């Protein structure tokens, strides 16, 4: 018991692999993680800030990329039979401060390009519209072969609430991306997204996600 109390407390930390590597205290919730991954393939959850959303996203990322490598001694170690996947992890809080629509679109597309490129997407300068190229690439993937994780989907929107015109343009840009994902959901093995506001607050037309915010 004394030895366990000497374990580091992971205060303010949201990197699952680093937390496990350092031997920090971790309350094992991986049975619930397993249930989510097994029973639901496209999940959304809204929670206030500092409720562990980013750590949960990081946990999914570690699981789908590396299997049970970082889960030794946890409940999921004896439950997880799945293989490794290509994982695209996006964090919209990185692009929440924008002064114009052009500024947001530039930062948004830059993040998408960097993250999708890591999974094999190749952007062609003269290959047509950016979102169209992403859609074509997703449609070329085998069924259930890709994992997409999005943290703080609503950060750019809540940051622009005082500017209705900018808010509408940002919402339209993000919505275009969601529509691409919806049209190509067959390639997704797992999709998980977090925010501090319910999805229907800003995107009532997005209906391909299982909203477990009140569960």
N, C-alpha and C. Protein backbone atom coordinates (compact mmCIF):
# COMPACT_ATOMS: atom_id res chain seq x y z
N UNK A 1 0.84 -1.20 0.00
CA UNK A 1 0.00 0.00 0.00
C UNK A 1 0.87 1.25 0.00
N UNK A 2 1.97 1.23 0.80
CA UNK A 2 2.87 2.38 0.85
C UNK A 2 3.50 2.62 -0.51
N UNK A 3 3.90 1.53 -1.17
CA UNK A 3 4.53 1.66 -2.47
C UNK A 3 3.57 2.27 -3.48
N UNK A 4 2.29 1.84 -3.45
CA UNK A 4 1.30 2.36 -4.38
C UNK A 4 1.08 3.86 -4.15
N UNK A 5 1.10 4.31 -2.90
CA UNK A 5 0.89 5.72 -2.62
C UNK A 5 2.03 6.58 -3.16
N UNK A 6 3.18 5.97 -3.42
CA UNK A 6 4.31 6.73 -3.94
C UNK A 6 4.25 6.91 -5.45
N UNK A 7 3.30 6.27 -6.10
CA UNK A 7 3.16 6.45 -7.54
C UNK A 7 2.80 7.91 -7.85
N UNK A 8 3.31 8.45 -8.95
CA UNK A 8 3.00 9.83 -9.31
C UNK A 8 1.51 10.02 -9.59
N UNK A 9 0.99 11.14 -9.18
CA UNK A 9 -0.38 11.50 -9.52
C UNK A 9 -0.37 12.19 -10.88
N UNK A 10 -1.18 11.76 -11.83
CA UNK A 10 -1.14 12.33 -13.19
C UNK A 10 -1.98 13.60 -13.31
N UNK A 11 -1.72 14.56 -12.46
CA UNK A 11 -2.53 15.78 -12.45
C UNK A 11 -2.30 16.59 -13.72
N UNK A 12 -3.39 16.90 -14.41
CA UNK A 12 -3.30 17.72 -15.61
C UNK A 12 -2.68 17.03 -16.81
N UNK A 13 -2.52 15.71 -16.77
CA UNK A 13 -1.87 15.00 -17.86
C UNK A 13 -2.93 14.32 -18.74
N UNK A 14 -2.68 14.30 -20.03
CA UNK A 14 -3.65 13.72 -20.95
C UNK A 14 -3.01 12.79 -21.97
N UNK A 15 -1.75 12.40 -21.75
CA UNK A 15 -1.06 11.48 -22.65
C UNK A 15 -1.02 10.10 -21.99
N UNK A 16 -1.81 9.18 -22.50
CA UNK A 16 -1.93 7.87 -21.87
C UNK A 16 -0.62 7.10 -21.87
N UNK A 17 0.08 7.10 -22.98
CA UNK A 17 1.32 6.34 -23.07
C UNK A 17 2.36 6.89 -22.10
N UNK A 18 2.50 8.21 -22.02
CA UNK A 18 3.46 8.80 -21.09
C UNK A 18 3.07 8.50 -19.65
N UNK A 19 1.79 8.56 -19.37
CA UNK A 19 1.29 8.27 -18.02
C UNK A 19 1.65 6.85 -17.61
N UNK A 20 1.45 5.90 -18.52
CA UNK A 20 1.76 4.51 -18.22
C UNK A 20 3.27 4.28 -18.13
N UNK A 21 4.01 4.95 -18.98
CA UNK A 21 5.47 4.81 -18.99
C UNK A 21 6.07 5.29 -17.67
N UNK A 22 5.49 6.35 -17.11
CA UNK A 22 6.00 6.92 -15.86
C UNK A 22 5.49 6.18 -14.62
N UNK A 23 4.61 5.22 -14.80
CA UNK A 23 4.07 4.48 -13.66
C UNK A 23 3.11 5.30 -12.83
N UNK A 24 2.47 6.30 -13.43
CA UNK A 24 1.52 7.13 -12.69
C UNK A 24 0.26 6.34 -12.34
N UNK A 25 -0.43 6.81 -11.33
CA UNK A 25 -1.68 6.19 -10.93
C UNK A 25 -2.68 6.31 -12.07
N UNK A 26 -3.31 5.20 -12.40
CA UNK A 26 -4.33 5.18 -13.46
C UNK A 26 -5.50 4.33 -12.99
N UNK A 27 -6.66 4.94 -12.89
CA UNK A 27 -7.87 4.21 -12.52
C UNK A 27 -8.35 3.44 -13.75
N UNK A 28 -8.37 2.14 -13.64
CA UNK A 28 -8.62 1.29 -14.80
C UNK A 28 -10.06 1.40 -15.27
N UNK A 29 -10.24 2.06 -16.41
CA UNK A 29 -11.55 2.17 -17.04
C UNK A 29 -11.57 1.45 -18.38
N UNK A 30 -10.58 0.57 -18.56
CA UNK A 30 -10.42 -0.02 -19.89
C UNK A 30 -11.50 -1.05 -20.22
N UNK A 31 -12.21 -1.55 -19.24
CA UNK A 31 -13.34 -2.42 -19.56
C UNK A 31 -14.41 -1.62 -20.30
N UNK A 32 -14.65 -0.39 -19.85
CA UNK A 32 -15.61 0.48 -20.53
C UNK A 32 -15.07 0.90 -21.90
N UNK A 33 -13.76 1.12 -21.98
CA UNK A 33 -13.14 1.44 -23.27
C UNK A 33 -13.39 0.29 -24.25
N UNK A 34 -13.20 -0.93 -23.78
CA UNK A 34 -13.43 -2.11 -24.62
C UNK A 34 -14.88 -2.17 -25.07
N UNK A 35 -15.82 -1.93 -24.16
CA UNK A 35 -17.23 -1.98 -24.52
C UNK A 35 -17.58 -0.95 -25.59
N UNK A 36 -16.99 0.24 -25.49
CA UNK A 36 -17.24 1.26 -26.50
C UNK A 36 -16.70 0.84 -27.86
N UNK A 37 -15.49 0.31 -27.86
CA UNK A 37 -14.86 -0.08 -29.11
C UNK A 37 -15.55 -1.27 -29.75
N UNK A 38 -16.11 -2.15 -28.92
CA UNK A 38 -16.74 -3.36 -29.43
C UNK A 38 -18.17 -3.09 -29.90
N UNK A 39 -18.93 -2.32 -29.13
CA UNK A 39 -20.35 -2.18 -29.40
C UNK A 39 -20.71 -0.96 -30.25
N UNK A 40 -19.87 0.05 -30.26
CA UNK A 40 -20.18 1.27 -31.00
C UNK A 40 -18.99 1.64 -31.86
N UNK A 41 -19.23 1.94 -33.10
CA UNK A 41 -18.12 2.26 -33.99
C UNK A 41 -17.95 3.76 -34.22
N UNK A 42 -19.00 4.54 -33.91
CA UNK A 42 -18.93 5.98 -34.15
C UNK A 42 -19.59 6.69 -32.97
N UNK A 43 -18.77 7.28 -32.12
CA UNK A 43 -19.24 7.75 -30.81
C UNK A 43 -18.89 9.23 -30.60
N UNK A 44 -19.83 9.94 -29.98
CA UNK A 44 -19.60 11.33 -29.56
C UNK A 44 -19.92 11.46 -28.08
N UNK A 45 -19.11 12.25 -27.37
CA UNK A 45 -19.41 12.52 -25.97
C UNK A 45 -19.08 13.97 -25.63
N UNK A 46 -19.99 14.61 -24.93
CA UNK A 46 -19.78 15.99 -24.46
C UNK A 46 -19.60 15.97 -22.95
N UNK A 47 -18.57 16.66 -22.48
CA UNK A 47 -18.30 16.79 -21.06
C UNK A 47 -17.65 18.15 -20.82
N UNK A 48 -17.81 18.72 -19.62
CA UNK A 48 -17.13 19.99 -19.30
C UNK A 48 -15.61 19.84 -19.38
N UNK A 49 -14.94 20.93 -19.34
CA UNK A 49 -13.48 20.91 -19.36
C UNK A 49 -12.95 20.22 -18.11
N UNK A 50 -11.77 19.62 -18.25
CA UNK A 50 -11.07 18.93 -17.17
C UNK A 50 -11.78 17.67 -16.70
N UNK A 51 -12.55 17.05 -17.59
CA UNK A 51 -13.22 15.80 -17.27
C UNK A 51 -12.54 14.58 -17.89
N UNK A 52 -11.33 14.74 -18.41
CA UNK A 52 -10.58 13.60 -18.91
C UNK A 52 -10.86 13.21 -20.35
N UNK A 53 -11.47 14.11 -21.13
CA UNK A 53 -11.79 13.77 -22.53
C UNK A 53 -10.53 13.51 -23.34
N UNK A 54 -9.54 14.38 -23.18
CA UNK A 54 -8.32 14.24 -23.98
C UNK A 54 -7.55 12.98 -23.60
N UNK A 55 -7.56 12.62 -22.32
CA UNK A 55 -6.91 11.38 -21.90
C UNK A 55 -7.62 10.17 -22.52
N UNK A 56 -8.93 10.23 -22.61
CA UNK A 56 -9.68 9.14 -23.23
C UNK A 56 -9.34 9.03 -24.71
N UNK A 57 -9.25 10.16 -25.39
CA UNK A 57 -8.84 10.15 -26.80
C UNK A 57 -7.46 9.54 -26.94
N UNK A 58 -6.54 9.93 -26.06
CA UNK A 58 -5.19 9.39 -26.08
C UNK A 58 -5.19 7.89 -25.82
N UNK A 59 -6.08 7.42 -24.95
CA UNK A 59 -6.19 6.00 -24.67
C UNK A 59 -6.64 5.22 -25.90
N UNK A 60 -7.65 5.73 -26.59
CA UNK A 60 -8.09 5.09 -27.84
C UNK A 60 -6.96 5.07 -28.87
N UNK A 61 -6.23 6.17 -28.96
CA UNK A 61 -5.14 6.24 -29.93
C UNK A 61 -4.10 5.18 -29.65
N UNK A 62 -3.70 5.02 -28.39
CA UNK A 62 -2.71 4.02 -28.03
C UNK A 62 -3.22 2.61 -28.32
N UNK A 63 -4.48 2.36 -28.02
CA UNK A 63 -5.05 1.03 -28.21
C UNK A 63 -5.11 0.63 -29.67
N UNK A 64 -5.62 1.53 -30.51
CA UNK A 64 -5.78 1.18 -31.92
C UNK A 64 -4.46 1.18 -32.69
N UNK A 65 -3.50 1.97 -32.25
CA UNK A 65 -2.20 1.99 -32.95
C UNK A 65 -1.30 0.83 -32.53
N UNK A 66 -1.28 0.53 -31.21
CA UNK A 66 -0.29 -0.39 -30.69
C UNK A 66 -0.87 -1.60 -29.96
N UNK A 67 -2.18 -1.80 -30.04
CA UNK A 67 -2.78 -2.93 -29.35
C UNK A 67 -2.61 -2.79 -27.85
N UNK A 68 -2.33 -3.90 -27.18
CA UNK A 68 -2.26 -3.90 -25.71
C UNK A 68 -0.85 -3.61 -25.19
N UNK A 69 0.02 -3.09 -26.04
CA UNK A 69 1.41 -2.81 -25.63
C UNK A 69 1.49 -2.00 -24.36
N UNK A 70 0.65 -0.99 -24.22
CA UNK A 70 0.71 -0.08 -23.07
C UNK A 70 -0.39 -0.36 -22.05
N UNK A 71 -1.01 -1.54 -22.13
CA UNK A 71 -2.16 -1.85 -21.26
C UNK A 71 -1.89 -3.06 -20.37
N UNK A 72 -0.64 -3.35 -20.13
CA UNK A 72 -0.31 -4.50 -19.30
C UNK A 72 -0.89 -4.34 -17.89
N UNK A 73 -1.56 -5.37 -17.43
CA UNK A 73 -2.14 -5.35 -16.10
C UNK A 73 -3.51 -4.71 -16.02
N UNK A 74 -4.01 -4.17 -17.12
CA UNK A 74 -5.33 -3.55 -17.14
C UNK A 74 -6.36 -4.53 -17.68
N UNK A 75 -7.62 -4.24 -17.42
CA UNK A 75 -8.70 -5.18 -17.75
C UNK A 75 -8.72 -5.55 -19.22
N UNK A 76 -8.42 -4.59 -20.08
CA UNK A 76 -8.56 -4.83 -21.51
C UNK A 76 -7.48 -5.76 -22.06
N UNK A 77 -6.43 -5.98 -21.28
CA UNK A 77 -5.32 -6.82 -21.77
C UNK A 77 -5.80 -8.20 -22.18
N UNK A 78 -6.76 -8.74 -21.45
CA UNK A 78 -7.26 -10.09 -21.74
C UNK A 78 -8.53 -10.08 -22.56
N UNK A 79 -8.95 -8.90 -23.03
CA UNK A 79 -10.19 -8.78 -23.78
C UNK A 79 -9.96 -8.39 -25.23
N UNK A 80 -8.88 -7.68 -25.50
CA UNK A 80 -8.69 -7.05 -26.80
C UNK A 80 -8.11 -8.03 -27.82
N UNK A 81 -8.90 -8.43 -28.83
CA UNK A 81 -8.40 -9.38 -29.82
C UNK A 81 -8.02 -8.72 -31.15
N UNK A 82 -8.22 -7.40 -31.23
CA UNK A 82 -8.15 -6.72 -32.51
C UNK A 82 -6.71 -6.44 -32.94
N UNK A 83 -6.57 -6.01 -34.18
CA UNK A 83 -5.26 -5.70 -34.76
C UNK A 83 -4.96 -4.21 -34.61
N UNK A 84 -3.84 -3.80 -35.17
CA UNK A 84 -3.48 -2.38 -35.17
C UNK A 84 -4.06 -1.70 -36.41
N UNK A 85 -4.30 -0.39 -36.29
CA UNK A 85 -4.91 0.38 -37.37
C UNK A 85 -4.14 1.67 -37.60
N UNK A 86 -4.37 2.25 -38.74
CA UNK A 86 -3.94 3.62 -38.97
C UNK A 86 -4.89 4.54 -38.19
N UNK A 87 -4.33 5.47 -37.45
CA UNK A 87 -5.13 6.35 -36.60
C UNK A 87 -4.87 7.81 -37.00
N UNK A 88 -5.94 8.54 -37.23
CA UNK A 88 -5.86 9.99 -37.48
C UNK A 88 -6.43 10.68 -36.25
N UNK A 89 -5.59 11.44 -35.58
CA UNK A 89 -6.00 12.13 -34.36
C UNK A 89 -5.96 13.64 -34.58
N UNK A 90 -7.12 14.28 -34.45
CA UNK A 90 -7.26 15.72 -34.67
C UNK A 90 -7.61 16.41 -33.36
N UNK A 91 -7.12 17.62 -33.19
CA UNK A 91 -7.44 18.41 -32.00
C UNK A 91 -7.81 19.82 -32.48
N UNK A 92 -9.11 20.10 -32.47
CA UNK A 92 -9.58 21.38 -33.00
C UNK A 92 -9.29 22.55 -32.06
N UNK A 93 -8.84 22.28 -30.84
CA UNK A 93 -8.46 23.39 -29.96
C UNK A 93 -7.20 24.08 -30.48
N UNK A 94 -6.44 23.41 -31.34
CA UNK A 94 -5.24 23.99 -31.92
C UNK A 94 -5.56 25.08 -32.94
N UNK A 95 -6.80 25.11 -33.41
CA UNK A 95 -7.16 26.05 -34.47
C UNK A 95 -8.35 26.92 -34.06
N UNK A 96 -8.51 27.15 -32.77
CA UNK A 96 -9.71 27.84 -32.32
C UNK A 96 -9.62 29.36 -32.43
N UNK A 97 -8.42 29.91 -32.48
CA UNK A 97 -8.30 31.37 -32.54
C UNK A 97 -8.02 31.82 -33.97
N UNK A 98 -9.05 32.37 -34.60
CA UNK A 98 -8.94 32.81 -35.99
C UNK A 98 -9.66 34.16 -36.14
N UNK A 99 -9.09 35.03 -36.94
CA UNK A 99 -9.66 36.36 -37.11
C UNK A 99 -10.57 36.46 -38.33
N UNK A 100 -10.35 35.58 -39.31
CA UNK A 100 -11.15 35.61 -40.54
C UNK A 100 -11.46 34.19 -40.97
N UNK A 101 -12.39 34.07 -41.91
CA UNK A 101 -12.69 32.75 -42.47
C UNK A 101 -11.47 32.16 -43.15
N UNK A 102 -10.75 33.00 -43.88
CA UNK A 102 -9.57 32.52 -44.59
C UNK A 102 -8.51 31.99 -43.61
N UNK A 103 -8.37 32.69 -42.49
CA UNK A 103 -7.42 32.26 -41.47
C UNK A 103 -7.80 30.89 -40.93
N UNK A 104 -9.09 30.70 -40.65
CA UNK A 104 -9.53 29.41 -40.14
C UNK A 104 -9.35 28.31 -41.17
N UNK A 105 -9.79 28.54 -42.39
CA UNK A 105 -9.70 27.51 -43.43
C UNK A 105 -8.25 27.10 -43.64
N UNK A 106 -7.34 28.08 -43.63
CA UNK A 106 -5.92 27.77 -43.80
C UNK A 106 -5.42 26.87 -42.69
N UNK A 107 -5.74 27.21 -41.43
CA UNK A 107 -5.29 26.40 -40.30
C UNK A 107 -5.98 25.04 -40.28
N UNK A 108 -7.26 25.02 -40.61
CA UNK A 108 -8.03 23.78 -40.61
C UNK A 108 -7.49 22.80 -41.65
N UNK A 109 -7.31 23.28 -42.86
CA UNK A 109 -6.81 22.42 -43.92
C UNK A 109 -5.37 22.00 -43.65
N UNK A 110 -4.60 22.86 -43.05
CA UNK A 110 -3.22 22.49 -42.71
C UNK A 110 -3.20 21.34 -41.70
N UNK A 111 -4.07 21.40 -40.68
CA UNK A 111 -4.12 20.31 -39.70
C UNK A 111 -4.59 19.02 -40.37
N UNK A 112 -5.64 19.10 -41.18
CA UNK A 112 -6.12 17.91 -41.86
C UNK A 112 -5.05 17.32 -42.76
N UNK A 113 -4.34 18.16 -43.49
CA UNK A 113 -3.31 17.68 -44.40
C UNK A 113 -2.20 16.97 -43.64
N UNK A 114 -1.73 17.59 -42.54
CA UNK A 114 -0.65 16.99 -41.77
C UNK A 114 -1.06 15.65 -41.16
N UNK A 115 -2.25 15.58 -40.62
CA UNK A 115 -2.67 14.36 -39.94
C UNK A 115 -3.08 13.27 -40.92
N UNK A 116 -3.78 13.63 -41.99
CA UNK A 116 -4.17 12.62 -42.97
C UNK A 116 -2.97 12.10 -43.75
N UNK A 117 -1.98 12.96 -43.95
CA UNK A 117 -0.77 12.52 -44.65
C UNK A 117 -0.07 11.40 -43.89
N UNK A 118 -0.11 11.47 -42.56
CA UNK A 118 0.52 10.42 -41.74
C UNK A 118 -0.13 9.06 -41.95
N UNK A 119 -1.39 9.07 -42.42
CA UNK A 119 -2.11 7.81 -42.65
C UNK A 119 -2.06 7.36 -44.10
N UNK A 120 -1.36 8.14 -44.94
CA UNK A 120 -1.20 7.73 -46.33
C UNK A 120 -1.86 8.62 -47.37
N UNK A 121 -2.58 9.66 -46.94
CA UNK A 121 -3.22 10.57 -47.90
C UNK A 121 -2.17 11.41 -48.61
N UNK A 122 -2.32 11.56 -49.92
CA UNK A 122 -1.41 12.37 -50.72
C UNK A 122 -2.22 13.47 -51.40
N UNK A 123 -1.87 14.71 -51.10
CA UNK A 123 -2.58 15.85 -51.69
C UNK A 123 -1.92 16.26 -52.99
N UNK A 124 -2.73 16.44 -54.03
CA UNK A 124 -2.24 16.88 -55.34
C UNK A 124 -2.63 18.33 -55.55
N UNK A 125 -1.66 19.18 -55.79
CA UNK A 125 -1.91 20.61 -55.96
C UNK A 125 -2.96 20.89 -57.03
N UNK A 126 -2.94 20.10 -58.11
CA UNK A 126 -3.87 20.31 -59.21
C UNK A 126 -4.88 19.18 -59.30
N UNK A 127 -5.15 18.58 -58.17
CA UNK A 127 -6.04 17.42 -58.17
C UNK A 127 -7.48 17.71 -57.80
N UNK A 128 -7.84 18.97 -57.73
CA UNK A 128 -9.21 19.33 -57.39
C UNK A 128 -9.32 19.85 -55.97
N UNK A 129 -10.55 20.07 -55.52
CA UNK A 129 -10.80 20.64 -54.21
C UNK A 129 -10.24 19.75 -53.09
N UNK A 130 -9.77 20.39 -52.02
CA UNK A 130 -9.13 19.68 -50.93
C UNK A 130 -10.07 18.63 -50.32
N UNK A 131 -11.29 19.04 -49.98
CA UNK A 131 -12.23 18.10 -49.37
C UNK A 131 -12.60 16.98 -50.33
N UNK A 132 -12.65 17.30 -51.60
CA UNK A 132 -12.93 16.27 -52.59
C UNK A 132 -11.84 15.23 -52.65
N UNK A 133 -10.60 15.66 -52.52
CA UNK A 133 -9.48 14.72 -52.52
C UNK A 133 -9.50 13.83 -51.28
N UNK A 134 -9.84 14.42 -50.13
CA UNK A 134 -9.95 13.61 -48.92
C UNK A 134 -11.07 12.58 -49.08
N UNK A 135 -12.19 12.99 -49.65
CA UNK A 135 -13.31 12.08 -49.86
C UNK A 135 -12.91 10.94 -50.78
N UNK A 136 -12.21 11.25 -51.86
CA UNK A 136 -11.77 10.21 -52.79
C UNK A 136 -10.82 9.23 -52.10
N UNK A 137 -9.93 9.76 -51.27
CA UNK A 137 -8.98 8.89 -50.58
C UNK A 137 -9.71 7.97 -49.60
N UNK A 138 -10.64 8.53 -48.83
CA UNK A 138 -11.40 7.71 -47.88
C UNK A 138 -12.18 6.62 -48.60
N UNK A 139 -12.77 6.97 -49.74
CA UNK A 139 -13.57 5.99 -50.47
C UNK A 139 -12.72 4.87 -51.04
N UNK A 140 -11.42 5.08 -51.16
CA UNK A 140 -10.53 4.06 -51.71
C UNK A 140 -10.04 3.07 -50.64
N UNK A 141 -10.30 3.36 -49.37
CA UNK A 141 -9.81 2.51 -48.29
C UNK A 141 -10.67 1.28 -48.12
N UNK A 142 -10.10 0.19 -47.62
CA UNK A 142 -10.90 -1.01 -47.33
C UNK A 142 -11.91 -0.72 -46.22
N UNK A 143 -12.98 -1.49 -46.16
CA UNK A 143 -13.97 -1.30 -45.09
C UNK A 143 -13.35 -1.48 -43.71
N UNK A 144 -13.78 -0.63 -42.77
CA UNK A 144 -13.38 -0.73 -41.35
C UNK A 144 -11.86 -0.79 -41.19
N UNK A 145 -11.16 0.09 -41.88
CA UNK A 145 -9.69 0.05 -41.85
C UNK A 145 -9.04 1.27 -41.23
N UNK A 146 -9.83 2.28 -40.86
CA UNK A 146 -9.27 3.54 -40.38
C UNK A 146 -9.94 3.97 -39.08
N UNK A 147 -9.15 4.57 -38.18
CA UNK A 147 -9.67 5.12 -36.93
C UNK A 147 -9.45 6.63 -36.96
N UNK A 148 -10.51 7.39 -36.67
CA UNK A 148 -10.41 8.85 -36.59
C UNK A 148 -10.87 9.29 -35.21
N UNK A 149 -10.03 10.10 -34.56
CA UNK A 149 -10.31 10.63 -33.23
C UNK A 149 -10.25 12.14 -33.29
N UNK A 150 -11.29 12.81 -32.80
CA UNK A 150 -11.34 14.28 -32.82
C UNK A 150 -11.59 14.79 -31.41
N UNK A 151 -10.69 15.62 -30.92
CA UNK A 151 -10.84 16.21 -29.59
C UNK A 151 -11.26 17.67 -29.72
N UNK A 152 -12.20 18.08 -28.87
CA UNK A 152 -12.69 19.47 -28.81
C UNK A 152 -13.16 19.98 -30.17
N UNK A 153 -14.09 19.25 -30.75
CA UNK A 153 -14.62 19.62 -32.07
C UNK A 153 -15.18 21.04 -32.10
N UNK A 154 -15.69 21.51 -30.95
CA UNK A 154 -16.41 22.78 -30.91
C UNK A 154 -15.54 23.96 -30.50
N UNK A 155 -14.25 23.76 -30.28
CA UNK A 155 -13.38 24.85 -29.82
C UNK A 155 -13.39 26.05 -30.75
N UNK A 156 -13.27 25.88 -32.08
CA UNK A 156 -13.30 27.05 -32.95
C UNK A 156 -14.65 27.76 -32.94
N UNK A 157 -15.72 27.02 -32.69
CA UNK A 157 -17.06 27.61 -32.69
C UNK A 157 -17.31 28.41 -31.42
N UNK A 158 -16.98 27.85 -30.27
CA UNK A 158 -17.21 28.58 -29.03
C UNK A 158 -16.31 29.81 -28.94
N UNK A 159 -15.15 29.76 -29.60
CA UNK A 159 -14.24 30.91 -29.59
C UNK A 159 -14.72 32.04 -30.49
N UNK A 160 -15.67 31.77 -31.37
CA UNK A 160 -16.14 32.79 -32.31
C UNK A 160 -17.60 33.16 -32.09
N UNK A 161 -18.15 32.86 -30.92
CA UNK A 161 -19.56 33.13 -30.65
C UNK A 161 -19.89 34.62 -30.72
N UNK A 162 -18.91 35.47 -30.45
CA UNK A 162 -19.16 36.92 -30.47
C UNK A 162 -19.14 37.51 -31.88
N UNK A 163 -18.82 36.69 -32.86
CA UNK A 163 -18.77 37.13 -34.25
C UNK A 163 -19.65 36.21 -35.08
N UNK A 164 -20.95 36.50 -35.18
CA UNK A 164 -21.88 35.57 -35.85
C UNK A 164 -21.50 35.24 -37.28
N UNK A 165 -21.00 36.21 -38.03
CA UNK A 165 -20.63 35.95 -39.43
C UNK A 165 -19.47 34.95 -39.50
N UNK A 166 -18.45 35.17 -38.67
CA UNK A 166 -17.32 34.26 -38.65
C UNK A 166 -17.75 32.89 -38.15
N UNK A 167 -18.59 32.87 -37.14
CA UNK A 167 -19.10 31.61 -36.60
C UNK A 167 -19.77 30.79 -37.70
N UNK A 168 -20.62 31.42 -38.49
CA UNK A 168 -21.33 30.70 -39.55
C UNK A 168 -20.38 30.13 -40.58
N UNK A 169 -19.34 30.89 -40.91
CA UNK A 169 -18.39 30.41 -41.92
C UNK A 169 -17.55 29.25 -41.38
N UNK A 170 -17.15 29.34 -40.10
CA UNK A 170 -16.39 28.25 -39.49
C UNK A 170 -17.26 27.00 -39.41
N UNK A 171 -18.49 27.19 -38.99
CA UNK A 171 -19.40 26.05 -38.92
C UNK A 171 -19.55 25.39 -40.28
N UNK A 172 -19.68 26.17 -41.33
CA UNK A 172 -19.85 25.62 -42.68
C UNK A 172 -18.61 24.81 -43.10
N UNK A 173 -17.43 25.30 -42.75
CA UNK A 173 -16.20 24.59 -43.11
C UNK A 173 -16.09 23.26 -42.38
N UNK A 174 -16.38 23.27 -41.08
CA UNK A 174 -16.32 22.03 -40.31
C UNK A 174 -17.41 21.06 -40.78
N UNK A 175 -18.58 21.60 -41.08
CA UNK A 175 -19.69 20.76 -41.53
C UNK A 175 -19.34 20.05 -42.83
N UNK A 176 -18.63 20.75 -43.72
CA UNK A 176 -18.23 20.13 -44.99
C UNK A 176 -17.35 18.91 -44.73
N UNK A 177 -16.47 19.02 -43.73
CA UNK A 177 -15.61 17.89 -43.37
C UNK A 177 -16.44 16.75 -42.80
N UNK A 178 -17.39 17.06 -41.91
CA UNK A 178 -18.24 16.03 -41.33
C UNK A 178 -19.06 15.31 -42.40
N UNK A 179 -19.51 16.06 -43.40
CA UNK A 179 -20.28 15.43 -44.47
C UNK A 179 -19.43 14.46 -45.27
N UNK A 180 -18.15 14.80 -45.45
CA UNK A 180 -17.23 13.88 -46.13
C UNK A 180 -17.08 12.60 -45.33
N UNK A 181 -16.93 12.72 -44.01
CA UNK A 181 -16.82 11.54 -43.15
C UNK A 181 -18.10 10.71 -43.20
N UNK A 182 -19.23 11.39 -43.16
CA UNK A 182 -20.51 10.68 -43.20
C UNK A 182 -20.66 9.91 -44.50
N UNK A 183 -20.24 10.50 -45.61
CA UNK A 183 -20.38 9.86 -46.91
C UNK A 183 -19.45 8.65 -47.05
N UNK A 184 -18.40 8.62 -46.24
CA UNK A 184 -17.41 7.54 -46.37
C UNK A 184 -17.26 6.76 -45.07
N UNK A 185 -18.33 6.68 -44.29
CA UNK A 185 -18.23 6.06 -42.97
C UNK A 185 -17.92 4.56 -43.04
N UNK A 186 -18.09 3.95 -44.20
CA UNK A 186 -17.80 2.54 -44.33
C UNK A 186 -16.35 2.18 -44.08
N UNK A 187 -15.44 3.13 -44.29
CA UNK A 187 -14.02 2.85 -44.09
C UNK A 187 -13.61 2.98 -42.63
N UNK A 188 -14.51 3.44 -41.78
CA UNK A 188 -14.15 3.72 -40.39
C UNK A 188 -14.35 2.50 -39.50
N UNK A 189 -13.28 2.03 -38.90
CA UNK A 189 -13.38 0.99 -37.88
C UNK A 189 -13.90 1.59 -36.58
N UNK A 190 -13.45 2.82 -36.28
CA UNK A 190 -13.88 3.48 -35.06
C UNK A 190 -13.74 4.98 -35.25
N UNK A 191 -14.74 5.70 -34.75
CA UNK A 191 -14.71 7.17 -34.78
C UNK A 191 -15.13 7.66 -33.41
N UNK A 192 -14.33 8.55 -32.83
CA UNK A 192 -14.66 9.08 -31.51
C UNK A 192 -14.40 10.58 -31.51
N UNK A 193 -15.35 11.33 -30.96
CA UNK A 193 -15.22 12.78 -30.96
C UNK A 193 -15.70 13.35 -29.64
N UNK A 194 -15.00 14.37 -29.14
CA UNK A 194 -15.38 15.01 -27.89
C UNK A 194 -15.65 16.50 -28.11
N UNK A 195 -16.33 17.07 -27.13
CA UNK A 195 -16.56 18.52 -27.10
C UNK A 195 -17.15 18.89 -25.76
N UNK A 196 -17.34 20.18 -25.54
CA UNK A 196 -17.98 20.61 -24.30
C UNK A 196 -19.46 20.91 -24.52
N UNK A 197 -19.89 20.93 -25.78
CA UNK A 197 -21.30 21.16 -26.10
C UNK A 197 -21.84 19.96 -26.86
N UNK A 198 -23.13 19.71 -26.71
CA UNK A 198 -23.76 18.61 -27.43
C UNK A 198 -23.62 18.83 -28.93
N UNK A 199 -23.46 17.78 -29.67
CA UNK A 199 -23.25 17.87 -31.12
C UNK A 199 -24.40 18.58 -31.81
N UNK A 200 -25.63 18.30 -31.39
CA UNK A 200 -26.79 18.88 -32.06
C UNK A 200 -26.91 20.38 -31.82
N UNK A 201 -26.14 20.91 -30.88
CA UNK A 201 -26.15 22.35 -30.65
C UNK A 201 -25.69 23.09 -31.90
N UNK A 202 -24.65 22.57 -32.55
CA UNK A 202 -24.06 23.23 -33.71
C UNK A 202 -24.29 22.47 -35.01
N UNK A 203 -24.50 21.15 -34.92
CA UNK A 203 -24.63 20.34 -36.13
C UNK A 203 -25.82 19.38 -36.01
N UNK A 204 -27.04 19.92 -36.03
CA UNK A 204 -28.22 19.07 -35.88
C UNK A 204 -28.38 18.07 -37.02
N UNK A 205 -27.74 18.34 -38.17
CA UNK A 205 -27.90 17.45 -39.32
C UNK A 205 -26.94 16.25 -39.29
N UNK A 206 -25.99 16.25 -38.38
CA UNK A 206 -25.05 15.13 -38.29
C UNK A 206 -25.70 14.02 -37.48
N UNK A 207 -26.01 12.92 -38.12
CA UNK A 207 -26.75 11.85 -37.45
C UNK A 207 -26.06 10.49 -37.55
N UNK A 208 -24.79 10.46 -37.93
CA UNK A 208 -24.14 9.17 -38.05
C UNK A 208 -23.34 8.80 -36.80
N UNK A 209 -23.42 9.65 -35.78
CA UNK A 209 -22.71 9.38 -34.53
C UNK A 209 -23.66 8.96 -33.42
N UNK A 210 -23.17 8.11 -32.55
CA UNK A 210 -23.93 7.69 -31.37
C UNK A 210 -23.56 8.64 -30.22
N UNK A 211 -24.46 9.54 -29.88
CA UNK A 211 -24.21 10.53 -28.83
C UNK A 211 -24.48 9.90 -27.46
N UNK A 212 -23.41 9.65 -26.70
CA UNK A 212 -23.56 9.00 -25.39
C UNK A 212 -23.38 10.01 -24.25
N UNK A 213 -23.55 11.29 -24.54
CA UNK A 213 -23.31 12.33 -23.55
C UNK A 213 -24.18 12.18 -22.30
N UNK A 214 -25.39 11.67 -22.45
CA UNK A 214 -26.29 11.52 -21.31
C UNK A 214 -26.31 10.10 -20.77
N UNK A 215 -25.40 9.27 -21.27
CA UNK A 215 -25.34 7.89 -20.79
C UNK A 215 -24.43 7.84 -19.56
